[in-house]
Amino acid sequence: MNEYTNYKDFLAEQLKDPEVKAEYDALESEFEIKRALINARNVSGITQQELSKRTGINQSDISKLEQGKGNPSLRTLQRLAEGLGMRMEIKFVPVERVRN
């Protein structure tokens, strides 16, 4: 069994497996939402509790979203953005294809 010194090394090793890589890539949008919410809240300098007060969304639900344990609707994301004093952008970008 391999010993890893940190998560990044472990992840890099796991992503060498094409099946693991495909599953990981399929979750990228969900990871991005989680990262964006956490970063936006940190930039705004407010707690989950304050965001909850501003949006009417339960703090526990905000926590679940930040942990990647939820699938928020567009309306929920809009409410969170407004509560953070921000606006939401959604983009469709071309998928990079690996050529053989």
Protein backbone atom coordinates (compact mmCIF):
# COMPACT_ATOMS: atom_id res chain seq x y z
CA MET A 1 0.00 0.00 0.00
CA ASN A 2 1.28 3.47 -0.89
CA GLU A 3 1.93 6.09 1.74
CA TYR A 4 0.90 9.62 0.84
CA THR A 5 2.19 12.72 2.54
CA ASN A 6 -0.80 14.84 1.60
CA TYR A 7 -4.15 14.82 -0.13
CA LYS A 8 -2.81 16.32 -3.36
CA ASP A 9 -0.37 13.42 -3.80
CA PHE A 10 -3.11 10.91 -3.05
CA LEU A 11 -5.50 12.56 -5.50
CA ALA A 12 -2.88 12.74 -8.24
CA GLU A 13 -2.22 9.03 -7.87
CA GLN A 14 -5.93 8.15 -7.90
CA LEU A 15 -6.60 10.26 -10.98
CA LYS A 16 -4.21 8.12 -12.98
CA ASP A 17 -7.03 5.55 -13.10
CA PRO A 18 -9.26 6.50 -16.09
CA GLU A 19 -12.46 5.41 -14.32
CA VAL A 20 -11.67 7.48 -11.24
CA LYS A 21 -10.71 10.43 -13.44
CA ALA A 22 -14.00 10.23 -15.37
CA GLU A 23 -16.03 10.21 -12.14
CA TYR A 24 -13.98 13.05 -10.67
CA ASP A 25 -14.41 15.15 -13.82
CA ALA A 26 -18.17 14.49 -13.80
CA LEU A 27 -18.37 16.13 -10.36
CA GLU A 28 -16.33 19.22 -11.29
CA SER A 29 -19.38 21.50 -11.62
CA GLU A 30 -20.53 20.57 -8.13
CA PHE A 31 -17.04 21.19 -6.73
CA GLU A 32 -16.95 24.56 -8.50
CA ILE A 33 -20.25 25.65 -6.94
CA LYS A 34 -18.99 24.67 -3.50
CA ARG A 35 -15.68 26.53 -3.99
CA ALA A 36 -17.41 29.59 -5.43
CA LEU A 37 -19.83 29.83 -2.50
CA ILE A 38 -17.10 29.47 0.11
CA ASN A 39 -14.82 31.97 -1.67
CA ALA A 40 -17.63 34.50 -2.14
CA ARG A 41 -18.62 34.27 1.52
CA ASN A 42 -15.00 34.69 2.61
CA VAL A 43 -14.52 37.70 0.29
CA SER A 44 -17.71 39.22 1.72
CA GLY A 45 -16.40 38.62 5.23
CA ILE A 46 -19.63 37.14 6.57
CA THR A 47 -20.44 33.98 8.45
CA GLN A 48 -22.86 31.29 7.39
CA GLN A 49 -25.17 32.56 10.13
CA GLU A 50 -25.14 36.09 8.71
CA LEU A 51 -25.74 34.78 5.20
CA SER A 52 -28.65 32.80 6.58
CA LYS A 53 -30.17 35.95 8.08
CA ARG A 54 -29.73 37.85 4.82
CA THR A 55 -31.25 35.14 2.61
CA GLY A 56 -33.70 33.27 4.80
CA ILE A 57 -31.87 30.04 3.96
CA ASN A 58 -31.17 27.88 6.99
CA GLN A 59 -27.56 28.01 8.15
CA SER A 60 -27.48 24.21 8.19
CA ASP A 61 -28.47 24.20 4.50
CA ILE A 62 -25.71 26.69 3.68
CA SER A 63 -23.27 24.45 5.55
CA LYS A 64 -24.43 21.41 3.57
CA LEU A 65 -23.94 23.28 0.30
CA GLU A 66 -20.44 24.31 1.32
CA GLN A 67 -19.67 20.68 2.17
CA GLY A 68 -20.90 19.56 -1.24
CA LYS A 69 -23.87 17.75 0.26
CA GLY A 70 -26.58 19.45 -1.70
CA ASN A 71 -27.82 20.26 -5.15
CA PRO A 72 -29.05 23.86 -5.00
CA SER A 73 -31.59 25.25 -7.42
CA LEU A 74 -30.73 28.26 -9.54
CA ARG A 75 -33.10 30.31 -7.38
CA THR A 76 -31.22 29.28 -4.23
CA LEU A 77 -27.91 30.23 -5.84
CA GLN A 78 -29.38 33.60 -6.85
CA ARG A 79 -30.56 34.21 -3.28
CA LEU A 80 -27.11 33.36 -1.95
CA ALA A 81 -25.43 35.67 -4.46
CA GLU A 82 -27.79 38.51 -3.54
CA GLY A 83 -27.16 37.88 0.16
CA LEU A 84 -23.45 38.15 -0.54
CA GLY A 85 -23.89 41.41 -2.43
CA MET A 86 -22.89 39.71 -5.64
CA ARG A 87 -24.43 38.50 -8.85
CA MET A 88 -24.21 35.01 -10.23
CA GLU A 89 -22.77 34.10 -13.62
CA ILE A 90 -23.27 30.81 -15.39
CA LYS A 91 -21.09 29.85 -18.32
CA PHE A 92 -21.08 27.08 -20.85
CA VAL A 93 -17.56 26.37 -22.02
CA PRO A 94 -16.29 23.96 -24.67
CA VAL A 95 -15.11 20.60 -23.41
CA GLU A 96 -11.50 19.96 -24.20
CA ARG A 97 -11.26 16.75 -26.16
CA VAL A 98 -8.20 14.56 -25.94
CA ARG A 99 -7.08 13.57 -29.41
CA ASN A 100 -5.68 10.09 -30.00
